Protein backbone atom coordinates (compact mmCIF):
# COMPACT_ATOMS: atom_id res chain seq x y z
CA UNK A 1 -7.63 -7.83 27.13
CA UNK A 2 -6.78 -4.43 28.62
CA UNK A 3 -3.33 -5.70 29.60
CA UNK A 4 -2.68 -6.97 26.07
CA UNK A 5 -3.76 -3.63 24.62
CA UNK A 6 -1.46 -1.76 27.01
CA UNK A 7 1.55 -3.91 26.11
CA UNK A 8 0.90 -3.69 22.37
CA UNK A 9 0.39 0.08 22.68
CA UNK A 10 3.72 0.59 24.48
CA UNK A 11 5.59 -1.49 21.91
CA UNK A 12 3.99 0.49 19.10
CA UNK A 13 4.88 3.84 20.70
CA UNK A 14 8.54 2.81 21.07
CA UNK A 15 8.81 1.53 17.49
CA UNK A 16 7.08 4.57 15.98
CA UNK A 17 8.94 7.20 18.00
CA UNK A 18 12.47 5.87 17.73
CA UNK A 19 12.51 3.84 14.52
CA UNK A 20 9.63 3.96 12.05
CA UNK A 21 9.03 7.71 11.86
CA UNK A 22 12.71 8.84 11.76
CA UNK A 23 13.68 6.14 9.26
CA UNK A 24 10.73 6.67 6.89
CA UNK A 25 10.97 10.44 6.78
CA UNK A 26 14.78 10.57 6.79
CA UNK A 27 15.23 7.94 4.09
CA UNK A 28 12.39 9.42 2.03
CA UNK A 29 14.10 12.81 2.01
CA UNK A 30 17.44 11.20 1.12
CA UNK A 31 15.91 9.29 -1.82
CA UNK A 32 14.00 12.38 -2.97
CA UNK A 33 17.06 14.63 -3.02
CA UNK A 34 19.55 12.20 -4.57
CA UNK A 35 17.08 11.01 -7.22
CA UNK A 36 16.43 14.67 -8.04
CA UNK A 37 12.77 14.41 -7.04
CA UNK A 38 12.00 11.34 -9.11
CA UNK A 39 8.41 11.13 -7.80
CA UNK A 40 7.54 14.57 -9.22
CA UNK A 41 9.70 14.94 -12.34
CA UNK A 42 8.48 11.92 -14.28
CA UNK A 43 4.69 11.95 -13.91
CA UNK A 44 4.24 12.24 -17.69
CA UNK A 45 6.59 9.30 -18.22
CA UNK A 46 4.64 7.35 -15.62
CA UNK A 47 1.38 7.72 -17.55
CA UNK A 48 3.08 6.59 -20.76
CA UNK A 49 4.50 3.50 -19.09
CA UNK A 50 1.30 2.62 -17.23
CA UNK A 51 -0.72 1.97 -20.37
CA UNK A 52 1.97 0.70 -22.73
CA UNK A 53 1.68 -2.73 -24.28
CA UNK A 54 3.66 -5.38 -22.44
CA UNK A 55 6.63 -6.55 -24.57
CA UNK A 56 6.27 -10.13 -25.68
CA UNK A 57 3.12 -10.61 -23.59
CA UNK A 58 1.42 -13.86 -24.50
CA UNK A 59 -1.70 -13.02 -22.55
CA UNK A 60 -0.56 -14.87 -19.44
CA UNK A 61 2.11 -12.55 -18.11
CA UNK A 62 1.07 -9.72 -15.78
CA UNK A 63 1.16 -6.32 -17.45
CA UNK A 64 2.37 -3.11 -15.84
CA UNK A 65 -1.23 -1.99 -15.42
CA UNK A 66 -2.33 -5.23 -13.74
CA UNK A 67 0.68 -5.06 -11.43
CA UNK A 68 -0.31 -1.49 -10.55
CA UNK A 69 -3.81 -2.73 -9.73
CA UNK A 70 -2.53 -5.54 -7.49
CA UNK A 71 -0.51 -2.94 -5.59
CA UNK A 72 -3.49 -0.60 -5.45
CA UNK A 73 -5.73 -3.44 -4.32
CA UNK A 74 -3.67 -3.70 -1.17
CA UNK A 75 -3.09 0.06 -0.84
CA UNK A 76 -6.61 1.28 -1.45
CA UNK A 77 -8.65 -0.26 1.31
CA UNK A 78 -9.59 0.34 4.90
CA UNK A 79 -6.60 2.63 5.37
CA UNK A 80 -8.20 5.17 3.04
CA UNK A 81 -11.57 5.09 4.79
CA UNK A 82 -11.51 3.71 8.33
CA UNK A 83 -7.78 4.49 8.70
CA UNK A 84 -8.32 8.18 8.00
CA UNK A 85 -11.14 8.24 10.55
CA UNK A 86 -8.84 6.70 13.17
CA UNK A 87 -6.05 9.18 12.33
CA UNK A 88 -8.41 12.14 12.63
CA UNK A 89 -9.96 11.16 15.93
CA UNK A 90 -6.80 9.93 17.65
CA UNK A 91 -4.31 12.42 16.19
CA UNK A 92 -6.49 15.38 15.34
CA UNK A 93 -6.77 17.15 11.96
CA UNK A 94 -2.98 17.70 11.94
CA UNK A 95 -2.54 13.98 11.36
CA UNK A 96 -3.78 14.46 7.80
CA UNK A 97 -0.88 16.84 7.09
CA UNK A 98 1.60 14.17 8.20
CA UNK A 99 -0.15 11.62 5.99
CA UNK A 100 0.52 14.00 3.10
CA UNK A 101 4.19 14.33 4.09
CA UNK A 102 4.61 10.55 4.22
CA UNK A 103 3.10 10.30 0.73
CA UNK A 104 5.17 13.10 -0.81
CA UNK A 105 8.53 11.74 0.35
CA UNK A 106 7.22 8.17 0.19
CA UNK A 107 6.86 8.40 -3.58
CA UNK A 108 10.65 8.33 -3.89
CA UNK A 109 10.86 5.41 -1.45
CA UNK A 110 8.25 3.52 -3.47
CA UNK A 111 10.31 4.09 -6.62
CA UNK A 112 13.47 2.75 -4.95
CA UNK A 113 11.98 -0.41 -3.49
CA UNK A 114 9.87 -1.32 -6.52
CA UNK A 115 12.80 -0.81 -8.89
CA UNK A 116 14.90 -3.15 -6.73
CA UNK A 117 12.10 -5.72 -6.82
CA UNK A 118 12.22 -5.72 -10.61
CA UNK A 119 16.02 -5.89 -10.77
CA UNK A 120 16.14 -9.01 -8.59
CA UNK A 121 12.90 -10.74 -9.61
CA UNK A 122 12.84 -14.45 -10.46
CA UNK A 123 10.71 -16.69 -12.63
CA UNK A 124 7.51 -18.03 -11.08
CA UNK A 125 6.78 -20.92 -13.38
CA UNK A 126 6.81 -20.36 -17.14
CA UNK A 127 4.71 -17.26 -17.57
CA UNK A 128 5.05 -15.22 -14.38
CA UNK A 129 7.56 -13.49 -12.11
CA UNK A 130 7.86 -13.04 -8.38
CA UNK A 131 10.10 -11.02 -6.10
CA UNK A 132 10.16 -8.37 -3.41
CA UNK A 133 12.29 -7.44 -0.39
CA UNK A 134 13.06 -11.03 0.58
CA UNK A 135 14.51 -11.61 -2.88
CA UNK A 136 16.52 -8.39 -3.17
CA UNK A 137 17.86 -8.91 0.34
CA UNK A 138 19.07 -12.38 -0.60
CA UNK A 139 20.39 -11.56 -4.08
CA UNK A 140 21.49 -7.96 -3.55
CA UNK A 141 22.80 -8.06 0.03
CA UNK A 142 23.53 -11.81 0.03
CA UNK A 143 21.85 -12.16 3.42
CA UNK A 144 19.27 -14.92 3.04
CA UNK A 145 18.56 -15.09 6.76
CA UNK A 146 17.46 -11.45 6.75
CA UNK A 147 15.34 -12.20 3.69
CA UNK A 148 13.68 -15.07 5.55
CA UNK A 149 13.01 -12.78 8.53
CA UNK A 150 11.28 -10.31 6.22
CA UNK A 151 9.34 -13.07 4.46
CA UNK A 152 8.00 -14.34 7.78
CA UNK A 153 7.11 -10.82 8.86
CA UNK A 154 5.21 -9.88 5.69
CA UNK A 155 3.41 -13.23 5.60
CA UNK A 156 2.17 -12.69 9.15
CA UNK A 157 1.49 -8.96 8.70
CA UNK A 158 -0.42 -9.05 5.41
CA UNK A 159 -1.91 -12.49 5.00
CA UNK A 160 -2.94 -12.68 8.66
CA UNK A 161 -2.98 -9.41 10.65
CA UNK A 162 -3.92 -6.96 7.88
CA UNK A 163 -6.61 -9.28 6.57
CA UNK A 164 -8.19 -9.25 10.01
CA UNK A 165 -8.25 -5.42 9.82
CA UNK A 166 -9.97 -5.56 6.44
CA UNK A 167 -12.61 -8.05 7.58
CA UNK A 168 -13.15 -6.09 10.82
CA UNK A 169 -13.98 -2.97 8.82
CA UNK A 170 -16.29 -4.83 6.44
CA UNK A 171 -18.14 -6.51 9.32
CA UNK A 172 -18.49 -3.26 11.28
CA UNK A 173 -19.82 -1.43 8.23
CA UNK A 174 -22.34 -4.12 7.25
CA UNK A 175 -23.51 -4.48 10.85
CA UNK A 176 -24.03 -0.71 11.08
CA UNK A 177 -26.00 -0.48 7.82
CA UNK A 178 -27.96 -3.73 7.79
CA UNK A 179 -27.74 -4.97 11.40
CA UNK A 180 -26.30 -8.30 10.21
CA UNK A 181 -24.36 -10.02 13.04
CA UNK A 182 -20.59 -9.88 12.53
CA UNK A 183 -20.09 -13.69 12.80
CA UNK A 184 -22.42 -14.20 9.82
CA UNK A 185 -20.53 -11.53 7.87
CA UNK A 186 -17.27 -13.28 8.80
CA UNK A 187 -18.46 -16.63 7.46
CA UNK A 188 -19.53 -15.05 4.16
CA UNK A 189 -16.15 -13.30 3.85
CA UNK A 190 -14.29 -16.55 4.47
CA UNK A 191 -16.20 -18.25 1.64
CA UNK A 192 -15.63 -15.39 -0.81
CA UNK A 193 -11.96 -15.06 0.16
CA UNK A 194 -11.42 -18.79 -0.34
CA UNK A 195 -12.74 -18.56 -3.90
CA UNK A 196 -10.19 -15.87 -4.80
CA UNK A 197 -7.28 -17.22 -2.71
CA UNK A 198 -7.48 -20.74 -4.16
CA UNK A 199 -7.72 -19.28 -7.66
CA UNK A 200 -4.08 -18.18 -7.81
CA UNK A 201 -2.20 -15.00 -8.73
CA UNK A 202 -3.83 -14.44 -12.11
CA UNK A 203 -7.30 -14.56 -10.62
CA UNK A 204 -6.12 -12.00 -8.06
CA UNK A 205 -4.67 -9.85 -10.85
CA UNK A 206 -7.80 -10.06 -12.99
CA UNK A 207 -10.08 -9.40 -10.03
CA UNK A 208 -8.06 -6.37 -8.92
CA UNK A 209 -7.66 -4.88 -12.41
CA UNK A 210 -11.45 -4.77 -12.79
CA UNK A 211 -12.60 -3.88 -9.27
CA UNK A 212 -9.96 -1.38 -8.09
CA UNK A 213 -10.31 1.26 -10.85
CA UNK A 214 -14.11 1.12 -10.67
CA UNK A 215 -14.42 1.38 -6.90
CA UNK A 216 -11.76 4.10 -6.66
CA UNK A 217 -13.41 6.15 -9.41
CA UNK A 218 -16.89 5.94 -7.86
CA UNK A 219 -15.63 6.88 -4.40
CA UNK A 220 -13.60 9.82 -5.74
CA UNK A 221 -16.60 11.07 -7.76
CA UNK A 222 -18.78 11.01 -4.64
CA UNK A 223 -16.05 12.84 -2.69
CA UNK A 224 -15.74 15.49 -5.43
CA UNK A 225 -19.49 16.03 -5.29
CA UNK A 226 -19.22 16.64 -1.54
CA UNK A 227 -16.30 19.02 -2.14
CA UNK A 228 -18.30 20.91 -4.77
CA UNK A 229 -21.25 21.18 -2.40
CA UNK A 230 -18.98 22.68 0.26
CA UNK A 231 -16.38 24.43 -1.89
CA UNK A 232 -16.39 27.59 0.23
CA UNK A 233 -15.33 25.51 3.26
CA UNK A 234 -12.31 23.98 1.51
CA UNK A 235 -9.75 26.76 2.27
CA UNK A 236 -10.81 26.80 5.92
CA UNK A 237 -10.45 23.03 6.27
CA UNK A 238 -6.98 23.06 4.68
CA UNK A 239 -5.99 25.87 7.05
CA UNK A 240 -7.46 23.90 9.96
CA UNK A 241 -5.30 20.89 9.04
CA UNK A 242 -2.11 22.97 8.82
CA UNK A 243 -2.89 24.85 12.03
CA UNK A 244 -3.32 21.60 13.93
CA UNK A 245 -0.12 20.18 12.46
CA UNK A 246 2.05 23.06 13.71
CA UNK A 247 -0.16 25.08 16.05
CA UNK A 248 1.13 26.49 19.35
CA UNK A 249 -1.77 24.86 21.20
CA UNK A 250 -0.84 21.43 19.85
CA UNK A 251 2.83 21.81 20.82
CA UNK A 252 1.97 22.81 24.40
CA UNK A 253 -0.60 20.06 24.80
CA UNK A 254 1.52 17.33 23.25
CA UNK A 255 -1.01 16.99 20.44
CA UNK A 256 1.61 17.48 17.74
CA UNK A 257 3.24 14.20 18.77
CA UNK A 258 -0.07 12.37 18.45
CA UNK A 259 -0.68 14.02 15.08
CA UNK A 260 2.71 12.94 13.74
CA UNK A 261 2.42 9.39 15.07
CA UNK A 262 -1.12 8.83 13.83
CA UNK A 263 -0.42 10.55 10.52
CA UNK A 264 2.72 8.54 9.80
CA UNK A 265 1.26 5.21 10.98
CA UNK A 266 -2.04 5.62 9.13
CA UNK A 267 -0.24 7.02 6.09
CA UNK A 268 2.10 4.03 6.05
CA UNK A 269 -0.80 1.61 6.48
CA UNK A 270 -2.61 3.30 3.62
CA UNK A 271 0.06 3.87 0.95
CA UNK A 272 2.64 1.27 2.13
CA UNK A 273 5.64 3.26 0.83
CA UNK A 274 8.71 1.74 2.49
CA UNK A 275 6.83 -1.13 4.09
CA UNK A 276 8.04 -3.62 1.51
CA UNK A 277 4.65 -4.88 0.36
CA UNK A 278 4.10 -3.14 -2.99
CA UNK A 279 7.46 -4.42 -4.35
CA UNK A 280 5.94 -7.90 -4.35
CA UNK A 281 3.36 -6.71 -6.88
CA UNK A 282 5.96 -4.66 -8.75
CA UNK A 283 8.14 -7.73 -9.25
CA UNK A 284 5.30 -9.68 -10.87
CA UNK A 285 5.09 -7.32 -13.85
CA UNK A 286 6.62 -8.01 -17.26
CA UNK A 287 8.30 -4.77 -18.38
CA UNK A 288 11.38 -3.94 -20.44
CA UNK A 289 13.12 -1.94 -17.70
CA UNK A 290 12.90 -2.01 -13.86
CA UNK A 291 12.50 1.77 -13.57
CA UNK A 292 9.11 1.51 -15.23
CA UNK A 293 7.66 -0.26 -12.21
CA UNK A 294 9.36 2.27 -9.96
CA UNK A 295 7.47 5.09 -11.68
CA UNK A 296 4.17 3.23 -11.56
CA UNK A 297 4.34 2.33 -7.88
CA UNK A 298 5.36 5.88 -6.95
CA UNK A 299 2.20 7.11 -8.70
CA UNK A 300 0.20 4.60 -6.69
CA UNK A 301 1.32 6.29 -3.47
CA UNK A 302 0.03 9.65 -4.68
CA UNK A 303 -3.31 8.21 -5.81
CA UNK A 304 -3.77 6.47 -2.49
CA UNK A 305 -2.98 9.26 -0.04
CA UNK A 306 -3.16 12.61 -1.81
CA UNK A 307 -6.41 11.76 -3.58
CA UNK A 308 -8.39 9.03 -1.79
CA UNK A 309 -7.31 9.72 1.81
CA UNK A 310 -7.67 13.47 1.38
CA UNK A 311 -11.19 12.97 0.04
CA UNK A 312 -12.14 10.95 3.11
CA UNK A 313 -10.66 13.54 5.48
CA UNK A 314 -12.57 16.36 3.80
CA UNK A 315 -15.89 14.49 4.03
CA UNK A 316 -15.43 13.95 7.77
CA UNK A 317 -14.11 17.42 8.58
CA UNK A 318 -16.73 19.32 6.59
CA UNK A 319 -19.43 17.32 8.38
CA UNK A 320 -17.96 18.17 11.79
CA UNK A 321 -18.65 14.69 13.17
CA UNK A 322 -15.23 13.75 14.55
CA UNK A 323 -14.72 13.62 18.31
CA UNK A 324 -10.98 14.16 18.63
CA UNK A 325 -9.21 11.96 21.15
CA UNK A 326 -11.64 9.06 20.83
CA UNK A 327 -11.53 5.81 18.86
CA UNK A 328 -13.61 5.76 15.68
CA UNK A 329 -13.77 3.59 12.60
CA UNK A 330 -15.80 3.28 9.43
CA UNK A 331 -19.08 4.35 11.08
CA UNK A 332 -17.69 7.89 11.41
CA UNK A 333 -17.33 8.14 7.63
CA UNK A 334 -20.78 6.64 7.12
CA UNK A 335 -22.38 9.19 9.44
CA UNK A 336 -20.44 12.08 7.87
CA UNK A 337 -21.35 11.15 4.32
CA UNK A 338 -25.00 10.62 5.30
CA UNK A 339 -25.13 14.24 6.49
CA UNK A 340 -23.88 15.43 3.10
CA UNK A 341 -25.80 13.37 0.56
CA UNK A 342 -28.51 11.54 2.48
CA UNK A 343 -29.10 8.35 4.40
CA UNK A 344 -28.39 6.21 1.34
CA UNK A 345 -24.72 7.16 1.79
CA UNK A 346 -24.41 4.66 4.62
CA UNK A 347 -25.29 1.85 2.25
CA UNK A 348 -22.96 3.26 -0.41
CA UNK A 349 -20.03 3.33 2.03
CA UNK A 350 -20.83 -0.23 3.06
CA UNK A 351 -20.65 -1.36 -0.56
CA UNK A 352 -17.51 0.71 -1.20
CA UNK A 353 -15.71 -0.55 1.89
CA UNK A 354 -16.61 -4.11 0.97
CA UNK A 355 -15.07 -3.71 -2.48
CA UNK A 356 -12.03 -1.80 -1.21
CA UNK A 357 -11.35 -4.13 1.70
CA UNK A 358 -12.13 -7.37 -0.09
CA UNK A 359 -9.74 -6.54 -2.93
CA UNK A 360 -7.16 -5.78 -0.22
CA UNK A 361 -7.68 -9.24 1.26
CA UNK A 362 -6.89 -10.73 -2.15
CA UNK A 363 -3.81 -8.54 -2.69
CA UNK A 364 -2.52 -9.04 0.85
CA UNK A 365 -2.83 -12.79 0.62
CA UNK A 366 -0.84 -12.76 -2.63
CA UNK A 367 2.04 -10.99 -0.88
CA UNK A 368 2.07 -13.56 1.88
CA UNK A 369 1.93 -16.57 -0.43
CA UNK A 370 4.87 -15.41 -2.54
CA UNK A 371 6.97 -14.96 0.59
CA UNK A 372 6.03 -18.35 1.99
CA UNK A 373 7.34 -19.76 -1.30
CA UNK A 374 10.58 -17.82 -0.78
CA UNK A 375 11.16 -19.61 2.53
CA UNK A 376 10.26 -23.04 1.17
CA UNK A 377 8.48 -24.32 -1.92
CA UNK A 378 5.92 -26.53 -0.21
CA UNK A 379 2.28 -27.15 -1.26
CA UNK A 380 1.51 -28.18 2.32
CA UNK A 381 2.93 -24.93 3.71
CA UNK A 382 0.82 -22.93 1.23
CA UNK A 383 -2.29 -24.90 2.20
CA UNK A 384 -1.69 -24.26 5.90
CA UNK A 385 -1.09 -20.58 5.17
CA UNK A 386 -4.32 -20.34 3.19
CA UNK A 387 -6.26 -21.87 6.06
CA UNK A 388 -4.55 -19.53 8.52
CA UNK A 389 -5.36 -16.51 6.37
CA UNK A 390 -9.02 -17.48 6.16
CA UNK A 391 -9.09 -18.04 9.94
CA UNK A 392 -7.79 -14.50 10.50
CA UNK A 393 -10.48 -13.14 8.19
CA UNK A 394 -12.98 -14.74 10.55
CA UNK A 395 -11.14 -13.50 13.65
CA UNK A 396 -11.09 -9.94 12.38
CA UNK A 397 -14.82 -9.93 11.74
CA UNK A 398 -15.59 -10.60 15.42
CA UNK A 399 -12.59 -8.94 17.16
CA UNK A 400 -12.51 -5.42 18.63
CA UNK A 401 -11.51 -2.46 16.48
CA UNK A 402 -8.71 -1.21 18.73
CA UNK A 403 -7.00 -4.62 19.05
CA UNK A 404 -6.74 -5.35 15.31
CA UNK A 405 -5.43 -1.84 14.52
CA UNK A 406 -2.87 -1.97 17.35
CA UNK A 407 -1.55 -5.36 16.18
CA UNK A 408 -1.37 -4.05 12.61
CA UNK A 409 0.75 -1.08 13.69
CA UNK A 410 3.31 -3.26 15.52
CA UNK A 411 3.82 -5.79 12.73
CA UNK A 412 3.79 -3.06 10.09
CA UNK A 413 6.61 -1.26 11.91
CA UNK A 414 8.74 -4.40 12.19
CA UNK A 415 8.58 -5.27 8.49
CA UNK A 416 9.17 -1.63 7.53
CA UNK A 417 12.39 -1.50 9.55
CA UNK A 418 13.76 -4.64 7.86
CA UNK A 419 12.81 -3.45 4.38
CA UNK A 420 14.23 0.05 4.81
CA UNK A 421 17.54 -1.43 6.00
CA UNK A 422 17.80 -3.21 2.64
CA UNK A 423 16.53 -0.34 0.45
CA UNK A 424 18.99 2.11 1.98
CA UNK A 425 21.93 -0.27 1.54
CA UNK A 426 20.93 -1.04 -2.07
CA UNK A 427 20.03 2.54 -3.00
CA UNK A 428 23.06 2.84 -5.30
CA UNK A 429 21.54 0.14 -7.52
CA UNK A 430 18.24 2.02 -7.81
CA UNK A 431 20.01 5.27 -8.66
CA UNK A 432 22.06 3.47 -11.34
CA UNK A 433 18.93 1.94 -12.87
CA UNK A 434 17.19 5.33 -12.96
CA UNK A 435 20.21 6.94 -14.61
CA UNK A 436 20.34 4.17 -17.22
CA UNK A 437 16.64 4.56 -18.01
CA UNK A 438 16.79 8.31 -18.48
CA UNK A 439 19.98 8.04 -20.53
CA UNK A 440 18.21 5.76 -23.02
CA UNK A 441 15.13 8.00 -23.11
CA UNK A 442 17.32 11.00 -23.95
CA UNK A 443 18.60 9.00 -26.94
CA UNK A 444 14.99 8.58 -28.07
CA UNK A 445 15.05 4.84 -27.32
CA UNK A 446 12.59 2.57 -25.59
CA UNK A 447 14.66 1.70 -22.47
CA UNK A 448 15.83 -1.89 -22.13
CA UNK A 449 17.58 -3.23 -19.04
CA UNK A 450 20.88 -5.09 -19.44
CA UNK A 451 22.30 -5.52 -15.90
CA UNK A 452 25.70 -6.87 -16.91
CA UNK A 453 26.48 -3.63 -18.75
CA UNK A 454 25.73 -1.70 -15.55
CA UNK A 455 27.84 -3.94 -13.33
CA UNK A 456 24.79 -5.38 -11.55
CA UNK A 457 25.12 -9.04 -10.59
CA UNK A 458 22.62 -11.70 -9.45
CA UNK A 459 20.00 -10.39 -11.86
CA UNK A 460 20.09 -13.46 -14.07
CA UNK A 461 16.36 -13.38 -14.89
CA UNK A 462 16.95 -10.25 -16.96
CA UNK A 463 19.86 -11.80 -18.82
CA UNK A 464 17.49 -14.50 -20.08
CA UNK A 465 14.73 -12.13 -21.20
CA UNK A 466 14.55 -11.28 -24.90
CA UNK A 467 13.62 -7.69 -25.66
CA UNK A 468 15.18 -7.52 -29.11
CA UNK A 469 12.03 -5.98 -30.55
CA UNK A 470 12.08 -3.35 -27.84
CA UNK A 471 15.69 -2.52 -28.64
CA UNK A 472 14.72 -1.73 -32.21
CA UNK A 473 11.87 0.57 -31.23
CA UNK A 474 12.11 4.31 -30.94
CA UNK A 475 9.69 6.41 -28.96
CA UNK A 476 7.04 7.89 -31.20
C-alpha cells in the first residue's frame, strides 16, 4: 500500500506542477481578460437568468435552475468540507488563498466550457438534452477519439473515483459521531445510491434541486453564526491566510509550493472549473441562449469556493485545531465546530456531510452515465457502469482517506488537461456567443441563439428548437 501511495503521489506532483496548475491559472487569466471579466460584470444578469421561466417547458425539460442544482450537487460536497480540511493541514493556511484564486479566474473558465456545452448539446430522447466536453470535442474540433478519451476519463473519475471519496467522507463522519462501523455505512449508502441512480436524470435533478439549496443554506447560516461569534478574529485570520500564501518563511521552507498545489487541487476538486464536469449539467438545461448557462455555472463556482469553502476554512482556523503538515479529513471540521457551538455540532456536520456528499454521488453518477452513452448507446454498458459505481461507493466507505484523495487528484488532473485543450481551442466560439448575447440585450431583446447566423456549424439541435415566442419578447 505504501508503494502504491508513493507512485500515485509522484504522478500527482508531476501533473500538478507542470500541467494542471499552469494551464488552469494561465487559461483562466486569458479567458478573464478577453471576455472583459465576464464572471464579474454580469452578476445581475446571472440572477435574472437563474430564475427565469424556461421557454416552452412542458414540465419535463430541465430548467436553468435545476441544471444549476445538478452542477452544485457535484460541486458542493466533500470538497467544501473535508477538502478544505485537507488543504489547510497539508498546504497550510496559504492554500485557502490559492483556492480563492482558482475560483476567481475559474469563473471565466466555467463560463467558457458551459457555453460550449450548450452550443453543441444534443437531444436525449424527446424531452431532454445532453452534452459536455466529449460532445463539443467531437462536434467542435471534429476529433471523436479525443472525445472518447475524455468520456472514459470522466466516467472513471466521477462515477467511480470521486464517488469513493464521497462515501469515504460520509463513512468517516458517521463512524466518528455514532461509532457505526464503516462497512455497515457503506452497505446503506449503496442501497440509497441505487434508488437514485436507477431512477434516471430527472430523479437526480429533482433530488438535487430540493436538497442542495437547503443543505447549503443551513451550513452557511451556521458558518455565519460562527463568524459573528468571532467577528473580531476575522481580519487576523484573513491576514494569516495572505501571510502564509506569500510569506518569506513559506518561500524559504518550500511551504509556498505546498500551499499552491493543495490550494489549486482542492479548489479544482471543489468548484470543478475547467475540469469538464459541470458542462455536462449545463448541457442538460433548456434555455433560449447558450450564454445563459455560462453565466449560471460561473456563479456556481463563486458560491462553491468563495462562500462555502471560505466558511469552512474560517471555522477551522478560528478554532485553532489544524495541525499543519498532517493528514486530516472531516473529523477536523467536526472537532472545530464542536468547540464553537457545542458537541451537537458533530452530529450536525455528520448530517450535513451526508446530504452534501450523497447529492454529489447522484450528480457525479449522472456525468458518468451521459458519457458512457456518448461512447456507445448500450443498456448493458449502463447496467455494468451502475454496478461499478455502486461497488466504488462501497470501496470508498472502507478504504483509507489518503488513498482515495490521491487517486482523485490524479484522475482529476488527467480529465482537466483534456478538457482545457478543447476549451482553449474553441474559445473563439464562446467569445462569439457572449458577444451575440450582449448585443441582443443592448437592443432590449430576450436573447435567442441562431448559430447559422453566427457562422457556427454542427449545432443542429439549436436549429430545430423553436423560440418564436422568445423572439417576440422584450425585457421588462
